[in-house]
Protein backbone atom coordinates (compact mmCIF):
# COMPACT_ATOMS: atom_id res chain seq x y z
CA MET A 1 -81.86 -80.64 70.30
CA PRO A 2 -79.40 -82.82 68.38
CA GLU A 3 -76.41 -84.17 70.29
CA GLU A 4 -73.01 -85.47 69.25
CA LEU A 5 -71.06 -87.97 71.39
CA ILE A 6 -67.68 -86.35 72.14
CA GLY A 7 -66.25 -88.42 74.97
CA LYS A 8 -66.47 -90.48 78.13
CA VAL A 9 -65.93 -89.59 81.77
CA SER A 10 -62.72 -91.26 82.96
CA ASP A 11 -62.74 -89.99 86.55
CA TYR A 12 -64.69 -87.76 88.93
CA PHE A 13 -63.12 -85.78 91.77
CA GLY A 14 -65.94 -85.19 94.23
CA LYS A 15 -64.19 -82.87 96.68
CA ILE A 16 -63.53 -80.27 93.97
CA GLY A 17 -66.43 -81.13 91.62
CA VAL A 18 -64.21 -81.77 88.60
CA VAL A 19 -64.62 -84.44 85.96
CA ALA A 20 -61.87 -85.85 83.72
CA ILE A 21 -63.04 -86.58 80.17
CA GLU A 22 -61.32 -88.54 77.40
CA LEU A 23 -62.41 -86.75 74.23
CA THR A 24 -63.37 -88.46 70.97
CA GLY A 25 -64.54 -85.17 69.47
CA ASN A 26 -63.77 -81.45 69.70
CA LEU A 27 -64.93 -79.18 72.52
CA THR A 28 -64.69 -75.40 73.00
CA VAL A 29 -65.29 -73.19 76.03
CA GLY A 30 -68.88 -71.94 75.74
CA ASP A 31 -70.22 -75.20 74.28
CA LYS A 32 -73.24 -76.79 75.95
CA ILE A 33 -72.66 -80.39 77.05
CA HIS A 34 -74.98 -83.16 78.21
CA ILE A 35 -73.53 -85.79 80.57
CA LYS A 36 -75.59 -88.96 80.68
CA GLY A 37 -75.07 -92.25 82.46
CA HIS A 38 -76.85 -94.85 84.57
CA THR A 39 -77.85 -92.30 87.22
CA THR A 40 -76.39 -89.12 85.69
CA ASP A 41 -78.38 -86.83 83.39
CA PHE A 42 -77.70 -83.07 83.25
CA GLU A 43 -76.69 -80.30 80.87
CA GLN A 44 -74.36 -77.36 81.44
CA ILE A 45 -72.25 -74.78 79.62
CA VAL A 46 -68.48 -75.34 79.63
CA ASP A 47 -67.17 -72.26 81.48
CA SER A 48 -63.52 -73.37 81.45
CA MET A 49 -61.42 -76.45 80.85
CA GLN A 50 -57.89 -77.56 81.54
CA ILE A 51 -55.31 -79.88 80.06
CA ASP A 52 -52.54 -80.81 82.54
CA ARG A 53 -53.77 -78.06 84.92
CA GLN A 54 -53.37 -75.37 82.24
CA PRO A 55 -56.45 -73.46 81.03
CA VAL A 56 -57.24 -73.98 77.34
CA PRO A 57 -59.94 -72.42 75.12
CA GLU A 58 -60.52 -75.60 73.08
CA ALA A 59 -59.59 -79.28 72.98
CA LYS A 60 -59.60 -81.93 70.26
CA ALA A 61 -60.20 -85.66 69.96
CA GLY A 62 -57.58 -87.60 71.90
CA ASP A 63 -57.13 -84.94 74.60
CA SER A 64 -57.85 -85.63 78.26
CA ILE A 65 -59.49 -82.59 79.83
CA GLY A 66 -60.80 -81.51 83.20
CA ILE A 67 -63.91 -79.39 83.67
CA LYS A 68 -65.86 -78.24 86.72
CA VAL A 69 -69.34 -79.78 86.83
CA LYS A 70 -72.45 -78.92 88.81
CA GLU A 71 -73.53 -82.49 89.58
CA TYR A 72 -72.07 -85.86 90.53
CA CYS A 73 -70.70 -87.98 87.66
CA ARG A 74 -69.47 -91.55 87.34
CA GLY A 75 -66.72 -93.13 85.27
CA LYS A 76 -67.90 -94.19 81.81
CA ASP A 77 -70.74 -91.63 81.70
CA SER A 78 -71.18 -90.40 78.13
CA VAL A 79 -70.49 -86.76 77.24
CA TYR A 80 -72.42 -85.15 74.38
CA ARG A 81 -72.08 -81.71 72.79
CA VAL A 82 -75.53 -80.19 72.32
CA THR A 83 -75.84 -78.60 68.88
CA GLU A 84 -78.49 -76.07 67.93
């Protein structure tokens, strides 16, 4: 499936399983993302996301968002939106 680079992981909060992402593209709840890095490689659906601890349905380039992830991530991992 084709993928579009939409951001980079800026931080990972292990205790709560949340990743902070600096977006360079747009992202909407329900989109499928692929997070890939040196040791990271998984896909998941975005169930919810937050900006400044407030839930939002979509985010645009330049936003810093937080999403819950199912696996460990590292700073500078790449975030791709999977397109069908």
